[in-house]
Amino acid sequence: TLRDYGREKIKATSEYPELRRRHLGWYQRLARDAADEWFSARQIEWIKRLDQEMPNLREAVEFSLTNSPAAAAGMAAELSPFWIAHGLVGEGRRWLDQALARRPPEPTYERVEAIYYASVLASLQGDVQEAAARAREAQEVAEQLAGQLAERDFVVLRYDKRGVGKSGGRTERVTLDDYADDAIATVKWLGK
């Protein structure tokens, strides 16, 4: 194809690595913008745009797996709602699993988010054991992160009644409405 021909030509130049980094940066911003506006009136626009850009997004995630695993995990997490809505759960899970396997295990919000989505996608595929293992992993990283935030005088709230921590709840029976109710109850509790 014309795209392949152009790629072969540019690979022969010294500019290729810089162009790949710029390509990655552009598609990181696109994924972040889509995630930021996913739950909005623009969701249908984002579904169409991400669908059109999927070859470039895949290429950016693939490149970042070897050059910036943290970027790969971030992009894969930010694209997870699209993959769920578009029926590409298996693809999203593969990207997240690869990125998390290569990413350094430092406790960051981005890592927790990536692990969370890996858990959600595993659950959607019926892999309850992996989903639970990922949820426990996310909990451990979040606890490390909470400690760091608390040391800097941030308030940290841990809420568990869905079977992830010590509550004994049943994660396989949780609905989106349950999570929404949890969020509302948490905000009300914080307002006291």
C-alpha atoms as a PDB file:
ATOM      1  CA  THR A   1       0.000   0.000   0.000  1.00  0.00           C
ATOM      2  CA  LEU A   2       0.978   3.632  -0.224  1.00  0.00           C
ATOM      3  CA  ARG A   3       1.317   3.757   3.556  1.00  0.00           C
ATOM      4  CA  ASP A   4       3.781   0.843   3.556  1.00  0.00           C
ATOM      5  CA  TYR A   5       5.807   2.403   0.740  1.00  0.00           C
ATOM      6  CA  GLY A   6       6.032   5.706   2.618  1.00  0.00           C
ATOM      7  CA  ARG A   7       7.079   3.920   5.798  1.00  0.00           C
ATOM      8  CA  GLU A   8       9.864   2.039   4.024  1.00  0.00           C
ATOM      9  CA  LYS A   9      11.176   5.286   2.535  1.00  0.00           C
ATOM     10  CA  ILE A  10      11.161   7.194   5.830  1.00  0.00           C
ATOM     11  CA  LYS A  11      12.753   4.279   7.730  1.00  0.00           C
ATOM     12  CA  ALA A  12      15.863   4.824   5.642  1.00  0.00           C
ATOM     13  CA  THR A  13      16.308   8.345   7.029  1.00  0.00           C
ATOM     14  CA  SER A  14      17.763   9.532  10.320  1.00  0.00           C
ATOM     15  CA  GLU A  15      14.466  11.301  11.070  1.00  0.00           C
ATOM     16  CA  TYR A  16      12.502   8.090  11.549  1.00  0.00           C
ATOM     17  CA  PRO A  17      12.984   7.686  15.357  1.00  0.00           C
ATOM     18  CA  GLU A  18      11.945  11.296  15.973  1.00  0.00           C
ATOM     19  CA  LEU A  19       8.903  10.920  13.714  1.00  0.00           C
ATOM     20  CA  ARG A  20       7.863   7.797  15.632  1.00  0.00           C
ATOM     21  CA  ARG A  21       8.136   9.683  18.950  1.00  0.00           C
ATOM     22  CA  ARG A  22       6.083  12.564  17.559  1.00  0.00           C
ATOM     23  CA  HIS A  23       3.511  10.096  16.187  1.00  0.00           C
ATOM     24  CA  LEU A  24       3.293   8.497  19.635  1.00  0.00           C
ATOM     25  CA  GLY A  25       2.859  11.899  21.302  1.00  0.00           C
ATOM     26  CA  TRP A  26       0.057  12.854  18.918  1.00  0.00           C
ATOM     27  CA  TYR A  27      -1.856   9.620  19.516  1.00  0.00           C
ATOM     28  CA  GLN A  28      -1.297   9.750  23.276  1.00  0.00           C
ATOM     29  CA  ARG A  29      -3.024  13.144  23.259  1.00  0.00           C
ATOM     30  CA  LEU A  30      -5.832  11.800  21.066  1.00  0.00           C
ATOM     31  CA  ALA A  31      -6.420   8.845  23.425  1.00  0.00           C
ATOM     32  CA  ARG A  32      -6.327  11.166  26.462  1.00  0.00           C
ATOM     33  CA  ASP A  33      -8.789  13.609  24.875  1.00  0.00           C
ATOM     34  CA  ALA A  34     -11.126  10.745  23.972  1.00  0.00           C
ATOM     35  CA  ALA A  35     -10.983   9.412  27.541  1.00  0.00           C
ATOM     36  CA  ASP A  36     -11.626  12.885  28.973  1.00  0.00           C
ATOM     37  CA  GLU A  37     -14.699  13.374  26.776  1.00  0.00           C
ATOM     38  CA  TRP A  38     -15.949   9.778  26.647  1.00  0.00           C
ATOM     39  CA  PHE A  39     -18.903  10.366  28.965  1.00  0.00           C
ATOM     40  CA  SER A  40     -20.219  13.380  27.108  1.00  0.00           C
ATOM     41  CA  ALA A  41     -22.430  14.360  24.213  1.00  0.00           C
ATOM     42  CA  ARG A  42     -19.397  13.784  21.953  1.00  0.00           C
ATOM     43  CA  GLN A  43     -19.106  10.051  22.642  1.00  0.00           C
ATOM     44  CA  ILE A  44     -20.465   9.019  19.223  1.00  0.00           C
ATOM     45  CA  GLU A  45     -17.996  11.400  17.527  1.00  0.00           C
ATOM     46  CA  TRP A  46     -15.167   9.838  19.524  1.00  0.00           C
ATOM     47  CA  ILE A  47     -16.241   6.309  18.616  1.00  0.00           C
ATOM     48  CA  LYS A  48     -16.164   7.236  14.916  1.00  0.00           C
ATOM     49  CA  ARG A  49     -12.852   9.071  15.182  1.00  0.00           C
ATOM     50  CA  LEU A  50     -11.113   6.334  17.169  1.00  0.00           C
ATOM     51  CA  ASP A  51     -12.441   3.751  14.738  1.00  0.00           C
ATOM     52  CA  GLN A  52     -10.901   5.708  11.849  1.00  0.00           C
ATOM     53  CA  GLU A  53      -7.637   6.218  13.722  1.00  0.00           C
ATOM     54  CA  MET A  54      -7.353   2.644  15.020  1.00  0.00           C
ATOM     55  CA  PRO A  55      -4.449   1.640  12.711  1.00  0.00           C
ATOM     56  CA  ASN A  56      -2.439   4.636  13.928  1.00  0.00           C
ATOM     57  CA  LEU A  57      -3.421   4.050  17.554  1.00  0.00           C
ATOM     58  CA  ARG A  58      -2.349   0.409  17.320  1.00  0.00           C
ATOM     59  CA  GLU A  59       0.948   1.449  15.784  1.00  0.00           C
ATOM     60  CA  ALA A  60       1.521   4.010  18.552  1.00  0.00           C
ATOM     61  CA  VAL A  61       0.788   1.472  21.307  1.00  0.00           C
ATOM     62  CA  GLU A  62       3.018  -1.102  19.592  1.00  0.00           C
ATOM     63  CA  PHE A  63       5.887   1.396  19.361  1.00  0.00           C
ATOM     64  CA  SER A  64       5.471   2.463  22.975  1.00  0.00           C
ATOM     65  CA  LEU A  65       5.605  -1.142  24.240  1.00  0.00           C
ATOM     66  CA  THR A  66       9.340  -1.177  23.563  1.00  0.00           C
ATOM     67  CA  ASN A  67      10.119   2.530  23.886  1.00  0.00           C
ATOM     68  CA  SER A  68       7.845   3.675  26.713  1.00  0.00           C
ATOM     69  CA  PRO A  69       5.851   0.912  28.463  1.00  0.00           C
ATOM     70  CA  ALA A  70       4.270   3.493  30.775  1.00  0.00           C
ATOM     71  CA  ALA A  71       2.888   5.313  27.711  1.00  0.00           C
ATOM     72  CA  ALA A  72       1.596   2.002  26.325  1.00  0.00           C
ATOM     73  CA  ALA A  73      -0.210   1.231  29.586  1.00  0.00           C
ATOM     74  CA  GLY A  74      -1.675   4.739  29.699  1.00  0.00           C
ATOM     75  CA  MET A  75      -2.933   4.633  26.124  1.00  0.00           C
ATOM     76  CA  ALA A  76      -4.341   1.134  26.545  1.00  0.00           C
ATOM     77  CA  ALA A  77      -6.193   2.214  29.691  1.00  0.00           C
ATOM     78  CA  GLU A  78      -7.515   5.389  28.055  1.00  0.00           C
ATOM     79  CA  LEU A  79      -8.769   3.389  25.056  1.00  0.00           C
ATOM     80  CA  SER A  80     -10.465   0.722  27.192  1.00  0.00           C
ATOM     81  CA  PRO A  81     -13.945   2.315  27.147  1.00  0.00           C
ATOM     82  CA  PHE A  82     -13.718   2.401  23.328  1.00  0.00           C
ATOM     83  CA  TRP A  83     -12.642  -1.237  23.175  1.00  0.00           C
ATOM     84  CA  ILE A  84     -15.521  -2.215  25.436  1.00  0.00           C
ATOM     85  CA  ALA A  85     -18.065  -0.226  23.410  1.00  0.00           C
ATOM     86  CA  HIS A  86     -16.667  -1.493  20.119  1.00  0.00           C
ATOM     87  CA  GLY A  87     -16.499  -5.162  21.103  1.00  0.00           C
ATOM     88  CA  LEU A  88     -12.684  -5.256  21.064  1.00  0.00           C
ATOM     89  CA  VAL A  89     -12.308  -6.481  24.640  1.00  0.00           C
ATOM     90  CA  GLY A  90      -9.744  -9.152  23.715  1.00  0.00           C
ATOM     91  CA  GLU A  91      -7.549  -6.674  21.886  1.00  0.00           C
ATOM     92  CA  GLY A  92      -7.695  -4.171  24.719  1.00  0.00           C
ATOM     93  CA  ARG A  93      -6.831  -6.858  27.231  1.00  0.00           C
ATOM     94  CA  ARG A  94      -3.832  -8.026  25.171  1.00  0.00           C
ATOM     95  CA  TRP A  95      -2.453  -4.478  24.946  1.00  0.00           C
ATOM     96  CA  LEU A  96      -2.943  -3.873  28.675  1.00  0.00           C
ATOM     97  CA  ASP A  97      -1.397  -7.203  29.666  1.00  0.00           C
ATOM     98  CA  GLN A  98       1.652  -6.584  27.456  1.00  0.00           C
ATOM     99  CA  ALA A  99       2.094  -3.019  28.691  1.00  0.00           C
ATOM    100  CA  LEU A 100       1.720  -3.934  32.359  1.00  0.00           C
ATOM    101  CA  ALA A 101       4.201  -6.793  31.981  1.00  0.00           C
ATOM    102  CA  ARG A 102       6.816  -4.376  30.618  1.00  0.00           C
ATOM    103  CA  ARG A 103       6.079  -1.337  32.769  1.00  0.00           C
ATOM    104  CA  PRO A 104       8.127  -0.756  35.924  1.00  0.00           C
ATOM    105  CA  PRO A 105       5.959  -1.535  38.977  1.00  0.00           C
ATOM    106  CA  GLU A 106       6.107   1.938  40.565  1.00  0.00           C
ATOM    107  CA  PRO A 107       2.930   3.031  42.363  1.00  0.00           C
ATOM    108  CA  THR A 108       1.270   5.640  40.164  1.00  0.00           C
ATOM    109  CA  TYR A 109      -2.312   6.575  39.410  1.00  0.00           C
ATOM    110  CA  GLU A 110      -1.738   5.593  35.783  1.00  0.00           C
ATOM    111  CA  ARG A 111      -0.628   2.093  36.808  1.00  0.00           C
ATOM    112  CA  VAL A 112      -3.694   1.656  39.035  1.00  0.00           C
ATOM    113  CA  GLU A 113      -5.926   2.775  36.161  1.00  0.00           C
ATOM    114  CA  ALA A 114      -4.282   0.338  33.733  1.00  0.00           C
ATOM    115  CA  ILE A 115      -4.595  -2.540  36.211  1.00  0.00           C
ATOM    116  CA  TYR A 116      -8.220  -1.580  36.867  1.00  0.00           C
ATOM    117  CA  TYR A 117      -9.076  -1.749  33.167  1.00  0.00           C
ATOM    118  CA  ALA A 118      -7.163  -5.033  32.825  1.00  0.00           C
ATOM    119  CA  SER A 119      -9.421  -6.359  35.593  1.00  0.00           C
ATOM    120  CA  VAL A 120     -12.575  -5.043  33.932  1.00  0.00           C
ATOM    121  CA  LEU A 121     -11.656  -6.509  30.541  1.00  0.00           C
ATOM    122  CA  ALA A 122     -10.769  -9.879  32.079  1.00  0.00           C
ATOM    123  CA  SER A 123     -14.113  -9.866  33.874  1.00  0.00           C
ATOM    124  CA  LEU A 124     -15.972  -9.058  30.651  1.00  0.00           C
ATOM    125  CA  GLN A 125     -14.323 -12.092  29.078  1.00  0.00           C
ATOM    126  CA  GLY A 126     -15.485 -14.265  31.967  1.00  0.00           C
ATOM    127  CA  ASP A 127     -11.998 -14.681  33.426  1.00  0.00           C
ATOM    128  CA  VAL A 128     -13.085 -14.055  37.008  1.00  0.00           C
ATOM    129  CA  GLN A 129      -9.872 -15.383  38.572  1.00  0.00           C
ATOM    130  CA  GLU A 130      -7.672 -13.045  36.528  1.00  0.00           C
ATOM    131  CA  ALA A 131     -10.072 -10.154  37.140  1.00  0.00           C
ATOM    132  CA  ALA A 132      -9.878 -10.752  40.890  1.00  0.00           C
ATOM    133  CA  ALA A 133      -6.078 -11.081  40.776  1.00  0.00           C
ATOM    134  CA  ARG A 134      -5.825  -7.786  38.874  1.00  0.00           C
ATOM    135  CA  ALA A 135      -8.203  -6.118  41.318  1.00  0.00           C
ATOM    136  CA  ARG A 136      -6.035  -7.258  44.240  1.00  0.00           C
ATOM    137  CA  GLU A 137      -2.955  -5.992  42.396  1.00  0.00           C
ATOM    138  CA  ALA A 138      -4.638  -2.615  41.836  1.00  0.00           C
ATOM    139  CA  GLN A 139      -5.564  -2.498  45.514  1.00  0.00           C
ATOM    140  CA  GLU A 140      -1.947  -3.117  46.550  1.00  0.00           C
ATOM    141  CA  VAL A 141      -0.628  -0.397  44.243  1.00  0.00           C
ATOM    142  CA  ALA A 142      -3.391   1.991  45.353  1.00  0.00           C
ATOM    143  CA  GLU A 143      -2.482   1.382  49.000  1.00  0.00           C
ATOM    144  CA  GLN A 144       1.167   2.229  48.230  1.00  0.00           C
ATOM    145  CA  LEU A 145       0.037   5.321  46.372  1.00  0.00           C
ATOM    146  CA  ALA A 146      -2.363   6.280  49.180  1.00  0.00           C
ATOM    147  CA  GLY A 147       0.510   6.148  51.645  1.00  0.00           C
ATOM    148  CA  GLN A 148       2.563   8.494  49.502  1.00  0.00           C
ATOM    149  CA  LEU A 149      -0.369  10.897  49.115  1.00  0.00           C
ATOM    150  CA  ALA A 150      -1.162  10.840  52.836  1.00  0.00           C
ATOM    151  CA  GLU A 151       2.477  11.721  53.586  1.00  0.00           C
ATOM    152  CA  ARG A 152       1.912  14.844  51.460  1.00  0.00           C
ATOM    153  CA  ASP A 153      -1.270  15.771  53.400  1.00  0.00           C
ATOM    154  CA  PHE A 154      -3.783  14.518  50.827  1.00  0.00           C
ATOM    155  CA  VAL A 155      -6.929  12.851  52.122  1.00  0.00           C
ATOM    156  CA  VAL A 156      -7.206   9.282  50.897  1.00  0.00           C
ATOM    157  CA  LEU A 157     -10.485   7.355  50.965  1.00  0.00           C
ATOM    158  CA  ARG A 158     -10.625   3.630  50.358  1.00  0.00           C
ATOM    159  CA  TYR A 159     -14.050   2.236  49.673  1.00  0.00           C
ATOM    160  CA  ASP A 160     -14.688  -1.482  49.380  1.00  0.00           C
ATOM    161  CA  LYS A 161     -17.895  -3.389  49.405  1.00  0.00           C
ATOM    162  CA  ARG A 162     -17.715  -5.178  46.072  1.00  0.00           C
ATOM    163  CA  GLY A 163     -15.463  -8.094  46.988  1.00  0.00           C
ATOM    164  CA  VAL A 164     -12.097  -6.625  46.049  1.00  0.00           C
ATOM    165  CA  GLY A 165     -10.657  -6.164  49.513  1.00  0.00           C
ATOM    166  CA  LYS A 166     -11.898  -7.564  52.802  1.00  0.00           C
ATOM    167  CA  SER A 167     -15.625  -6.986  52.323  1.00  0.00           C
ATOM    168  CA  GLY A 168     -16.473 -10.445  51.061  1.00  0.00           C
ATOM    169  CA  GLY A 169     -18.711  -8.964  48.368  1.00  0.00           C
ATOM    170  CA  ARG A 170     -19.246 -10.705  45.039  1.00  0.00           C
ATOM    171  CA  THR A 171     -17.599  -8.866  42.122  1.00  0.00           C
ATOM    172  CA  GLU A 172     -19.288 -11.051  39.491  1.00  0.00           C
ATOM    173  CA  ARG A 173     -22.714  -9.713  40.537  1.00  0.00           C
ATOM    174  CA  VAL A 174     -21.817  -6.010  40.475  1.00  0.00           C
ATOM    175  CA  THR A 175     -23.567  -3.752  37.966  1.00  0.00           C
ATOM    176  CA  LEU A 176     -22.749  -0.284  36.676  1.00  0.00           C
ATOM    177  CA  ASP A 177     -25.639   1.009  38.813  1.00  0.00           C
ATOM    178  CA  ASP A 178     -23.960  -0.503  41.890  1.00  0.00           C
ATOM    179  CA  TYR A 179     -20.767   1.397  41.124  1.00  0.00           C
ATOM    180  CA  ALA A 180     -22.726   4.603  40.536  1.00  0.00           C
ATOM    181  CA  ASP A 181     -24.504   4.126  43.884  1.00  0.00           C
ATOM    182  CA  ASP A 182     -21.098   3.575  45.521  1.00  0.00           C
ATOM    183  CA  ALA A 183     -19.757   6.821  44.070  1.00  0.00           C
ATOM    184  CA  ILE A 184     -22.824   8.772  45.203  1.00  0.00           C
ATOM    185  CA  ALA A 185     -22.617   7.300  48.721  1.00  0.00           C
ATOM    186  CA  THR A 186     -18.907   8.155  48.888  1.00  0.00           C
ATOM    187  CA  VAL A 187     -19.489  11.774  47.838  1.00  0.00           C
ATOM    188  CA  LYS A 188     -22.306  12.096  50.393  1.00  0.00           C
ATOM    189  CA  TRP A 189     -20.079  10.657  53.112  1.00  0.00           C
ATOM    190  CA  LEU A 190     -17.288  13.086  52.212  1.00  0.00           C
ATOM    191  CA  GLY A 191     -19.775  15.972  52.441  1.00  0.00           C
ATOM    192  CA  LYS A 192     -20.526  15.227  56.108  1.00  0.00           C
END
